[in-house]
Amino acid sequence: MKPISPPSAAPSKAPSRSPTTNEPTPSIGDIAELQDAAFDTEYGVPRCTAPGSACDSKGLLNGRGTIANGVEANRSNTNFKGNECIDGNTGSYHADESIDQIIVTAGDIDKATGTPIPSNDFIVEGGRAYVSVKVWCWSTGLSDIADIYLTDDADTPDWKHLVSITCPGGGEKWLRHAFDVPQGILNQMIRVNFRYLGSQTSCSNGGYDDHDDLGFTVKRGSGPRTAIFHQALRIPKCSAGASCDSGDLLDGRGPRGPNNGPELNQPNTLNSACTDGISGAYHVDESIDKIIVSSESGGDLTEGEIAIITAIVWCWGDGTSDSADFYYASDASNPTWTLIGRIECPGGGKQTLTMSYALPQGGAIQAVRVNLMYLPGTPGPDKCINGDWNDTDDLAITVKSNSNTASLRGFVAAPSKSVHEQGTVTDESIRGAAEIEADKKKHELLTLMKQSEKKPKRDNGGEDI
């Protein structure tokens, strides 16, 4: 017996638009999909040769060496291009130690709860990923340790230690660890050295020890990105890059209007309470047509660095009655919205509004929101103002972690000044509920009269005329 170590809308004339479908068709190579590894005879290990949202060894690593009832296929499943690491053959399957599966997934792990947070994005250089290892731990597990290593070049492996994890109990266990994906080389590899007692190493030699590698392909991270519609988030989303462009996914407003301008996948918001108005006509009345988030430095969008939000909108009349609120959220899967500022339309028709802010820590997948409003008011708890002519749209972006974690400790994102002087929210720029209600009634009356081109305007003092 092995010794156990001690525990340690109104009709209106509008330009025609091409017919659209309910779902956009993404470009080939833009969709991050789960990749199942296949045994690679060149490396002698399971490997995913295409980039994806995850790389899964499936059953290719199940068992260890030649142990009873658990002979491992293609043993030892360690990289031929380095020093092959031979498994121990002592013991029996699912009584003694074995590595049964390895998965590398794009995303992060919640530091407080240990819960995996898959991004459903590509495993991308400079981004975040986590490794999940299914192991069988002997007895109480206290004597079994998994040393997890990474090499950024599978062709000339130089194993960098990530973490050593002691089994939290006996039997089948999942061990996980998040890491920053190295930049430069796209052919990378994870190694797990699962040992009974002994010291940290990438290749132990115990009779109960198992060693397995998994090769995965990383997607190039730099450059501009065009969003695709994310089925889970229900908004457009980009993989990591220097910018994120919503393309045509936000063009128009609402489910069936304005006339000739329905918005794909409306309402394109993370809050179900935020809905689009359906009154008016396309490119006569208000709509958000595009949102772009770009890095001020020109590099990839990264925690702590300045990002610029550009909203291409259509403003009604001379624009004096329309404003846009800009927000960000550090976690798109559980958004808490922070107001960056408000901008009044500088004129009518197509306008470009911009705001800048510092990208926060807190999530690999973040989001920005633009709420374009006719006669703006005070936003409620959902951080949007719904109205017959209002449009609210969100865009999810992939943000790289900042390696300079010390300088970011306690970091809180702060808004930067808009290029528009009216971009700052003031008490005067947020209208009272009674005034908004009066304006709304005027707006409704004009709609009934089919006079959307004669909505009430505000003079420079903010009063209706």
Protein backbone atom coordinates (compact mmCIF):
# COMPACT_ATOMS: atom_id res chain seq x y z
CA MET A 1 0.00 0.00 0.00
CA LYS A 2 1.26 3.50 -0.87
CA PRO A 3 1.96 5.84 2.08
CA ILE A 4 -0.34 8.87 2.21
CA SER A 5 1.22 12.25 2.70
CA PRO A 6 -0.27 14.43 5.48
CA PRO A 7 -3.03 16.96 4.51
CA SER A 8 -1.35 20.05 3.55
CA ALA A 9 -44.52 53.64 -36.51
CA ALA A 10 -46.12 56.52 -38.82
CA PRO A 11 -45.84 55.95 -42.63
CA SER A 12 -43.13 58.03 -44.25
CA LYS A 13 -41.22 58.13 -47.50
CA ALA A 14 -37.81 56.54 -47.07
CA PRO A 15 -35.05 55.06 -49.19
CA SER A 16 -35.41 51.37 -49.99
CA ARG A 17 -33.19 48.72 -48.42
CA SER A 18 -32.15 45.30 -49.56
CA PRO A 19 -34.06 42.40 -48.02
CA THR A 20 -32.41 40.95 -44.92
CA THR A 21 -32.59 37.65 -43.11
CA ASN A 22 -33.14 37.06 -39.41
CA GLU A 23 -29.55 35.98 -38.87
CA PRO A 24 -26.41 37.43 -40.49
CA THR A 25 -24.10 35.14 -42.40
CA PRO A 26 -20.60 35.44 -40.93
CA SER A 27 -17.50 35.16 -43.03
CA ILE A 28 -15.70 31.83 -43.15
CA GLY A 29 -13.20 31.61 -40.32
CA ASP A 30 -15.00 34.17 -38.15
CA ILE A 31 -16.93 31.64 -36.06
CA ALA A 32 -15.06 30.23 -33.06
CA GLU A 33 -16.03 26.56 -32.74
CA LEU A 34 -15.03 23.78 -30.36
CA GLN A 35 -12.20 21.72 -31.88
CA ASP A 36 -11.79 18.00 -31.16
CA ALA A 37 -8.15 16.97 -31.12
CA ALA A 38 -6.82 14.21 -33.35
CA PHE A 39 -3.65 12.21 -32.76
CA ASP A 40 -0.78 13.93 -34.57
CA THR A 41 1.93 11.48 -35.61
CA GLU A 42 4.47 14.27 -36.12
CA TYR A 43 4.26 15.33 -32.47
CA GLY A 44 3.02 12.08 -30.94
CA VAL A 45 0.19 13.83 -29.06
CA PRO A 46 -3.45 14.85 -29.55
CA ARG A 47 -3.54 18.19 -31.35
CA CYS A 48 -6.04 20.70 -32.76
CA THR A 49 -4.72 22.05 -36.06
CA ALA A 50 -7.37 24.77 -36.51
CA PRO A 51 -8.06 27.68 -34.16
CA GLY A 52 -11.32 27.56 -32.23
CA SER A 53 -13.04 28.39 -28.96
CA ALA A 54 -11.59 25.27 -27.31
CA CYS A 55 -9.38 22.25 -28.00
CA ASP A 56 -10.55 18.98 -26.42
CA SER A 57 -8.51 15.78 -26.21
CA LYS A 58 -11.77 13.83 -25.77
CA GLY A 59 -10.85 10.17 -25.00
CA LEU A 60 -7.38 10.18 -26.58
CA LEU A 61 -5.56 10.52 -23.23
CA ASN A 62 -7.77 8.26 -21.14
CA GLY A 63 -5.82 5.85 -18.93
CA ARG A 64 -2.08 5.60 -18.23
CA GLY A 65 0.72 3.57 -19.75
CA THR A 66 -0.13 -0.13 -19.70
CA ILE A 67 -2.00 -0.28 -16.37
CA ALA A 68 -4.66 -2.94 -15.94
CA ASN A 69 -7.97 -2.08 -17.64
CA GLY A 70 -6.69 1.36 -18.60
CA VAL A 71 -4.04 1.07 -21.32
CA GLU A 72 -3.53 4.51 -22.85
CA ALA A 73 -3.69 4.75 -26.63
CA ASN A 74 -0.60 6.22 -28.34
CA ARG A 75 1.25 6.29 -25.00
CA SER A 76 2.99 8.25 -23.78
CA ASN A 77 1.35 11.20 -25.56
CA THR A 78 4.26 13.53 -24.89
CA ASN A 79 5.88 15.71 -27.55
CA PHE A 80 8.34 13.82 -29.78
CA LYS A 81 10.11 17.12 -30.53
CA GLY A 82 11.25 17.43 -26.94
CA ASN A 83 12.26 14.81 -24.42
CA GLU A 84 9.66 12.04 -24.41
CA CYS A 85 8.31 11.39 -20.92
CA ILE A 86 7.43 7.75 -20.16
CA ASP A 87 4.39 6.93 -18.01
CA GLY A 88 4.52 4.70 -14.95
CA ASN A 89 2.79 1.34 -15.28
CA THR A 90 2.09 0.53 -11.62
CA GLY A 91 -1.47 0.17 -10.31
CA SER A 92 -4.83 -0.17 -12.05
CA TYR A 93 -7.26 2.05 -13.94
CA HIS A 94 -9.50 4.26 -11.81
CA ALA A 95 -8.02 2.97 -8.59
CA ASP A 96 -4.67 4.69 -9.06
CA GLU A 97 -3.59 7.89 -10.77
CA SER A 98 -4.32 8.79 -14.40
CA ILE A 99 -4.93 11.80 -16.64
CA ASP A 100 -8.11 11.15 -18.62
CA GLN A 101 -8.77 14.38 -20.55
CA ILE A 102 -7.34 17.85 -21.20
CA ILE A 103 -9.28 20.82 -22.60
CA VAL A 104 -7.96 24.31 -23.40
CA THR A 105 -10.76 26.91 -23.58
CA ALA A 106 -10.83 30.60 -24.47
CA GLY A 107 -12.02 32.63 -21.48
CA ASP A 108 -11.18 33.03 -17.82
CA ILE A 109 -11.88 31.68 -14.36
CA ASP A 110 -13.71 33.70 -11.72
CA LYS A 111 -11.09 34.36 -9.06
CA ALA A 112 -13.64 34.41 -6.23
CA THR A 113 -15.62 31.28 -7.05
CA GLY A 114 -13.34 29.30 -9.37
CA THR A 115 -16.15 29.09 -11.92
CA PRO A 116 -15.03 28.82 -15.56
CA ILE A 117 -16.12 31.72 -17.79
CA PRO A 118 -15.82 30.58 -21.43
CA SER A 119 -15.72 33.50 -23.84
CA ASN A 120 -17.05 31.51 -26.83
CA ASP A 121 -14.32 33.35 -28.72
CA PHE A 122 -11.18 32.07 -30.39
CA ILE A 123 -8.14 31.10 -28.35
CA VAL A 124 -6.20 34.18 -29.41
CA GLU A 125 -2.62 35.30 -28.87
CA GLY A 126 -2.40 37.77 -26.02
CA GLY A 127 -5.87 36.79 -24.79
CA ARG A 128 -7.00 34.67 -21.85
CA ALA A 129 -7.61 30.94 -21.79
CA TYR A 130 -7.91 28.23 -19.17
CA VAL A 131 -6.92 24.60 -19.08
CA SER A 132 -9.22 21.93 -17.60
CA VAL A 133 -7.70 18.57 -16.65
CA LYS A 134 -9.79 15.52 -15.76
CA VAL A 135 -7.76 13.25 -13.50
CA TRP A 136 -8.31 10.21 -11.31
CA CYS A 137 -6.92 10.81 -7.82
CA TRP A 138 -5.89 7.94 -5.56
CA SER A 139 -7.41 7.54 -2.09
CA THR A 140 -7.96 10.99 -0.50
CA GLY A 141 -6.06 12.73 -3.29
CA LEU A 142 -3.72 14.46 -0.85
CA SER A 143 -0.66 12.74 -2.29
CA ASP A 144 -1.41 13.53 -5.93
CA ILE A 145 -0.27 16.73 -7.64
CA ALA A 146 -0.72 17.99 -11.20
CA ASP A 147 2.10 20.18 -12.53
CA ILE A 148 0.75 22.15 -15.47
CA TYR A 149 3.14 23.59 -18.06
CA LEU A 150 2.86 25.58 -21.29
CA THR A 151 5.15 26.01 -24.27
CA ASP A 152 4.54 28.77 -26.81
CA ASP A 153 6.33 26.78 -29.52
CA ALA A 154 5.43 23.12 -29.93
CA ASP A 155 8.25 22.63 -32.45
CA THR A 156 10.98 23.56 -29.95
CA PRO A 157 9.27 23.07 -26.58
CA ASP A 158 10.51 25.09 -23.63
CA TRP A 159 8.12 24.21 -20.81
CA LYS A 160 7.05 27.14 -18.59
CA HIS A 161 5.48 26.19 -15.28
CA LEU A 162 1.97 27.61 -14.80
CA VAL A 163 0.76 26.01 -11.57
CA SER A 164 0.87 22.89 -9.40
CA ILE A 165 -2.50 21.71 -8.05
CA THR A 166 -3.07 19.07 -5.36
CA CYS A 167 -6.13 16.85 -5.85
CA PRO A 168 -9.04 18.21 -3.75
CA GLY A 169 -10.23 14.65 -3.05
CA GLY A 170 -10.23 11.10 -4.32
CA GLY A 171 -11.71 9.75 -7.54
CA GLU A 172 -12.55 11.77 -10.67
CA LYS A 173 -11.69 15.46 -10.34
CA TRP A 174 -11.43 18.45 -12.67
CA LEU A 175 -8.44 20.73 -12.10
CA ARG A 176 -8.44 24.15 -13.80
CA HIS A 177 -6.10 27.07 -14.27
CA ALA A 178 -6.33 30.30 -16.32
CA PHE A 179 -3.37 31.77 -18.18
CA ASP A 180 -2.37 34.47 -20.66
CA VAL A 181 -1.91 33.05 -24.15
CA PRO A 182 1.61 33.93 -25.39
CA GLN A 183 2.02 36.05 -28.51
CA GLY A 184 4.10 35.31 -31.57
CA ILE A 185 3.83 31.55 -32.15
CA LEU A 186 0.46 30.05 -33.04
CA ASN A 187 1.39 26.37 -32.51
CA GLN A 188 1.32 25.99 -28.71
CA MET A 189 1.05 23.09 -26.28
CA ILE A 190 -0.03 22.26 -22.72
CA ARG A 191 1.65 19.57 -20.61
CA VAL A 192 0.24 17.99 -17.47
CA ASN A 193 2.64 16.06 -15.22
CA PHE A 194 0.44 14.13 -12.77
CA ARG A 195 2.56 12.64 -9.99
CA TYR A 196 2.26 10.66 -6.80
CA LEU A 197 4.32 12.63 -4.25
CA GLY A 198 7.68 13.93 -5.53
CA SER A 199 8.69 17.44 -6.55
CA GLN A 200 7.50 19.87 -9.21
CA THR A 201 8.79 18.91 -12.64
CA SER A 202 7.67 18.67 -16.26
CA CYS A 203 8.65 14.98 -16.37
CA SER A 204 8.62 12.84 -13.24
CA ASN A 205 9.55 9.16 -13.22
CA GLY A 206 7.36 7.56 -10.58
CA GLY A 207 5.59 4.24 -11.09
CA TYR A 208 2.17 5.87 -10.62
CA ASP A 209 2.90 9.03 -12.65
CA ASP A 210 1.16 10.08 -15.87
CA HIS A 211 2.31 12.72 -18.37
CA ASP A 212 0.21 14.02 -21.26
CA ASP A 213 0.42 16.87 -23.77
CA LEU A 214 -2.26 18.63 -25.82
CA GLY A 215 -1.37 20.78 -28.83
CA PHE A 216 -3.67 23.68 -29.76
CA THR A 217 -3.66 26.34 -32.46
CA VAL A 218 -3.88 30.02 -31.54
CA LYS A 219 -5.55 32.67 -33.70
CA ARG A 220 -3.60 35.78 -34.64
CA GLY A 221 -4.83 38.61 -32.40
CA SER A 222 -3.91 41.89 -34.05
CA GLY A 223 -5.84 43.98 -36.53
CA PRO A 224 -9.40 45.21 -36.94
CA ARG A 225 -12.35 42.91 -36.34
CA THR A 226 -15.90 42.84 -37.70
CA ALA A 227 -18.57 41.61 -35.30
CA ILE A 228 -20.78 38.59 -35.75
CA PHE A 229 -24.05 38.04 -33.90
CA HIS A 230 -23.48 36.11 -30.66
CA GLN A 231 -26.36 33.72 -30.03
CA ALA A 232 -25.92 33.55 -26.25
CA LEU A 233 -25.39 37.27 -25.63
CA ARG A 234 -27.89 38.26 -28.35
CA ILE A 235 -25.73 41.16 -29.49
CA PRO A 236 -22.88 41.59 -32.03
CA LYS A 237 -19.46 40.52 -30.72
CA CYS A 238 -15.84 40.66 -31.91
CA SER A 239 -12.82 38.50 -31.20
CA ALA A 240 -9.65 40.16 -29.93
CA GLY A 241 -8.14 42.86 -32.11
CA ALA A 242 -7.34 46.53 -32.47
CA SER A 243 -10.97 47.47 -33.17
CA CYS A 244 -14.48 46.04 -33.25
CA ASP A 245 -16.94 47.16 -35.95
CA SER A 246 -20.62 46.17 -35.76
CA GLY A 247 -20.84 46.23 -39.56
CA ASP A 248 -24.47 46.15 -40.73
CA LEU A 249 -25.78 44.26 -37.69
CA LEU A 250 -27.13 47.36 -35.90
CA ASP A 251 -28.33 49.32 -38.94
CA GLY A 252 -31.91 50.56 -38.53
CA ARG A 253 -34.17 50.37 -35.49
CA GLY A 254 -36.83 48.13 -33.99
CA PRO A 255 -38.62 44.95 -35.03
CA ARG A 256 -40.67 46.30 -37.91
CA GLY A 257 -39.75 49.94 -38.25
CA PRO A 258 -38.86 52.61 -38.89
CA ASN A 259 -40.30 52.08 -42.37
CA ASN A 260 -37.90 50.15 -44.59
CA GLY A 261 -35.36 50.02 -41.78
CA PRO A 262 -35.86 47.00 -39.49
CA GLU A 263 -32.86 46.11 -37.34
CA LEU A 264 -31.42 42.60 -37.51
CA ASN A 265 -31.74 40.62 -34.28
CA GLN A 266 -33.40 43.58 -32.53
CA PRO A 267 -33.14 44.91 -29.93
CA ASN A 268 -29.42 43.98 -29.73
CA THR A 269 -29.21 44.75 -26.01
CA LEU A 270 -28.03 42.75 -23.01
CA ASN A 271 -31.04 43.94 -20.99
CA SER A 272 -34.41 42.58 -22.11
CA ALA A 273 -36.05 45.71 -20.66
CA CYS A 274 -34.31 47.89 -23.25
CA THR A 275 -36.51 47.98 -26.34
CA ASP A 276 -36.47 50.03 -29.54
CA GLY A 277 -39.18 52.43 -30.68
CA ILE A 278 -41.05 51.63 -33.88
CA SER A 279 -42.32 55.09 -34.88
CA GLY A 280 -41.02 57.10 -37.81
CA ALA A 281 -39.11 56.27 -40.95
CA TYR A 282 -35.61 55.03 -41.73
CA HIS A 283 -33.14 57.86 -42.23
CA VAL A 284 -35.78 60.45 -41.49
CA ASP A 285 -36.09 59.69 -37.79
CA GLU A 286 -33.62 58.46 -35.20
CA SER A 287 -31.54 55.28 -35.53
CA ILE A 288 -28.13 53.90 -34.59
CA ASP A 289 -26.52 52.54 -37.74
CA LYS A 290 -23.11 51.39 -36.49
CA ILE A 291 -20.88 51.22 -33.40
CA ILE A 292 -17.10 50.91 -33.56
CA VAL A 293 -14.76 50.47 -30.59
CA SER A 294 -11.09 51.07 -31.36
CA SER A 295 -7.83 51.23 -29.46
CA GLU A 296 -6.42 54.75 -29.24
CA SER A 297 -2.88 53.36 -29.44
CA GLY A 298 -3.58 51.23 -32.52
CA GLY A 299 -2.71 48.02 -30.67
CA ASP A 300 -5.16 45.42 -29.46
CA LEU A 301 -7.91 46.47 -27.05
CA THR A 302 -6.26 45.94 -23.65
CA GLU A 303 -7.16 46.52 -19.99
CA GLY A 304 -6.21 49.97 -18.73
CA GLU A 305 -5.69 51.47 -22.17
CA ILE A 306 -7.87 54.10 -23.84
CA ALA A 307 -10.62 52.98 -26.21
CA ILE A 308 -12.65 55.20 -28.53
CA ILE A 309 -16.34 54.51 -29.12
CA THR A 310 -17.64 55.80 -32.46
CA ALA A 311 -21.40 55.78 -33.02
CA ILE A 312 -22.73 56.49 -36.50
CA VAL A 313 -26.30 57.64 -35.98
CA TRP A 314 -29.16 59.31 -37.82
CA CYS A 315 -30.48 62.43 -36.09
CA TRP A 316 -33.95 63.84 -36.79
CA GLY A 317 -34.51 67.38 -38.07
CA ASP A 318 -31.63 69.67 -37.14
CA GLY A 319 -30.53 67.29 -34.37
CA THR A 320 -31.23 69.65 -31.47
CA SER A 321 -33.83 67.30 -29.94
CA ASP A 322 -31.62 64.17 -30.07
CA SER A 323 -28.90 62.98 -27.70
CA ALA A 324 -26.92 59.77 -27.12
CA ASP A 325 -25.79 58.28 -23.82
CA PHE A 326 -22.60 56.15 -23.87
CA TYR A 327 -21.96 53.33 -21.36
CA TYR A 328 -19.49 50.51 -20.75
CA ALA A 329 -19.71 47.24 -18.80
CA SER A 330 -16.66 45.23 -17.74
CA ASP A 331 -18.47 41.87 -18.00
CA ALA A 332 -20.86 41.32 -20.90
CA SER A 333 -22.27 38.14 -19.34
CA ASN A 334 -23.33 40.01 -16.18
CA PRO A 335 -23.33 43.70 -17.14
CA THR A 336 -23.21 46.57 -14.68
CA TRP A 337 -23.36 49.71 -16.79
CA THR A 338 -21.23 52.79 -16.11
CA LEU A 339 -22.14 56.05 -17.83
CA ILE A 340 -19.31 57.62 -19.83
CA GLY A 341 -21.23 60.69 -21.00
CA ARG A 342 -23.96 62.22 -23.12
CA ILE A 343 -23.61 63.86 -26.54
CA GLU A 344 -26.21 65.99 -28.31
CA CYS A 345 -26.48 65.56 -32.06
CA PRO A 346 -24.45 68.37 -33.64
CA GLY A 347 -26.80 68.45 -36.64
CA GLY A 348 -29.42 66.50 -38.53
CA GLY A 349 -29.04 63.43 -40.72
CA LYS A 350 -26.01 61.15 -40.55
CA GLN A 351 -23.73 62.12 -37.66
CA THR A 352 -20.61 60.61 -36.09
CA LEU A 353 -20.47 60.79 -32.28
CA THR A 354 -17.37 59.73 -30.33
CA MET A 355 -16.49 59.12 -26.69
CA SER A 356 -13.33 57.70 -25.13
CA TYR A 357 -12.77 55.82 -21.88
CA ALA A 358 -10.22 53.56 -20.17
CA LEU A 359 -10.91 49.85 -20.60
CA PRO A 360 -11.50 48.31 -17.15
CA GLN A 361 -10.28 45.12 -15.55
CA GLY A 362 -12.81 42.47 -14.74
CA GLY A 363 -13.64 40.48 -17.86
CA ALA A 364 -12.24 39.24 -21.14
CA ILE A 365 -15.58 39.94 -22.85
CA GLN A 366 -16.77 43.49 -22.18
CA ALA A 367 -19.52 45.61 -23.73
CA VAL A 368 -20.39 49.15 -24.73
CA ARG A 369 -23.87 50.65 -25.08
CA VAL A 370 -25.25 53.61 -27.03
CA ASN A 371 -28.76 54.90 -26.26
CA LEU A 372 -29.93 57.37 -28.93
CA MET A 373 -32.91 59.35 -27.65
CA TYR A 374 -35.45 61.87 -28.87
CA LEU A 375 -35.84 64.41 -26.01
CA PRO A 376 -33.61 62.58 -23.51
CA GLY A 377 -34.54 62.03 -19.90
CA THR A 378 -33.13 60.29 -16.85
CA PRO A 379 -32.21 56.61 -17.39
CA GLY A 380 -33.70 54.02 -15.07
CA PRO A 381 -32.00 51.01 -13.45
CA ASP A 382 -31.67 49.23 -16.82
CA LYS A 383 -29.53 52.16 -18.09
CA CYS A 384 -31.63 52.83 -21.15
CA ILE A 385 -34.47 55.18 -22.00
CA ASN A 386 -37.19 53.59 -24.08
CA GLY A 387 -39.29 55.75 -26.38
CA ASP A 388 -41.17 55.64 -29.67
CA TRP A 389 -38.20 57.08 -31.57
CA ASN A 390 -35.38 55.80 -29.35
CA ASP A 391 -32.76 53.19 -30.27
CA THR A 392 -30.50 51.29 -27.84
CA ASP A 393 -27.70 49.03 -29.08
CA ASP A 394 -24.87 47.09 -27.42
CA LEU A 395 -21.59 45.75 -28.81
CA ALA A 396 -19.45 43.07 -27.11
CA ILE A 397 -15.67 43.38 -27.37
CA THR A 398 -12.82 41.06 -26.44
CA VAL A 399 -10.29 42.79 -24.18
CA LYS A 400 -6.81 41.43 -23.52
CA SER A 401 -5.48 41.24 -19.99
CA ASN A 402 -2.69 43.63 -19.08
CA SER A 403 0.52 41.88 -18.03
CA ASN A 404 1.39 44.86 -15.83
CA THR A 405 -1.04 43.70 -13.14
CA ALA A 406 0.65 45.67 -10.38
CA SER A 407 -0.18 48.99 -12.01
CA LEU A 408 -3.77 47.89 -12.54
CA ARG A 409 -4.45 46.71 -9.00
CA GLY A 410 -7.50 48.63 -7.80
CA PHE A 411 -7.86 50.17 -11.24
CA VAL A 412 -11.25 51.71 -12.07
CA ALA A 413 -12.03 52.77 -15.62
CA ALA A 414 -12.57 56.48 -16.05
CA PRO A 415 -14.28 58.29 -18.91
CA SER A 416 -12.22 60.60 -21.06
CA LYS A 417 -13.45 63.84 -22.60
CA SER A 418 -15.60 63.56 -25.71
CA VAL A 419 -14.57 65.40 -28.85
CA HIS A 420 -17.96 67.08 -28.53
CA GLU A 421 -18.08 69.80 -25.88
CA GLN A 422 -21.65 68.83 -25.02
CA GLY A 423 -20.60 65.30 -24.13
CA THR A 424 -20.68 65.81 -20.36
CA VAL A 425 -23.86 64.94 -18.50
CA THR A 426 -25.18 67.86 -16.47
CA ASP A 427 -28.35 68.47 -14.48
CA GLU A 428 -29.51 70.83 -17.24
CA SER A 429 -29.08 68.16 -19.92
CA ILE A 430 -31.32 65.62 -18.14
CA ARG A 431 -34.95 66.68 -18.50
CA GLY A 432 -37.64 66.17 -15.88
CA ALA A 433 -40.30 63.47 -16.15
CA ALA A 434 -43.17 65.93 -16.57
CA GLU A 435 -41.43 67.71 -19.44
CA ILE A 436 -40.60 64.43 -21.15
CA GLU A 437 -44.22 63.28 -20.84
CA ALA A 438 -45.45 66.52 -22.42
CA ASP A 439 -42.99 66.15 -25.28
CA LYS A 440 -44.04 62.55 -25.79
CA LYS A 441 -47.70 63.54 -26.14
CA LYS A 442 -46.75 66.15 -28.74
CA HIS A 443 -44.73 63.53 -30.56
CA GLU A 444 -47.62 61.04 -30.53
CA LEU A 445 -50.05 63.67 -31.84
CA LEU A 446 -47.73 64.56 -34.70
CA THR A 447 -47.39 60.90 -35.58
CA LEU A 448 -51.13 60.57 -35.90
CA MET A 449 -51.01 63.58 -38.21
CA LYS A 450 -48.24 61.87 -40.23
CA GLN A 451 -45.93 64.79 -39.57
CA SER A 452 -42.80 63.16 -38.20
CA GLU A 453 -40.84 65.85 -39.99
CA LYS A 454 -42.39 68.43 -37.65
CA LYS A 455 -41.56 66.99 -34.24
CA PRO A 456 -41.15 69.64 -31.50
CA LYS A 457 -37.63 70.99 -31.25
CA ARG A 458 -35.62 72.61 -28.50
CA ASP A 459 -33.94 75.97 -28.80
CA ASN A 460 -30.44 76.53 -27.43
CA GLY A 461 -31.91 77.11 -23.96
CA GLY A 462 -33.38 73.63 -23.90
CA GLU A 463 -37.05 74.75 -24.07
CA ASP A 464 -39.60 73.42 -26.53
CA ILE A 465 -40.68 75.71 -29.36
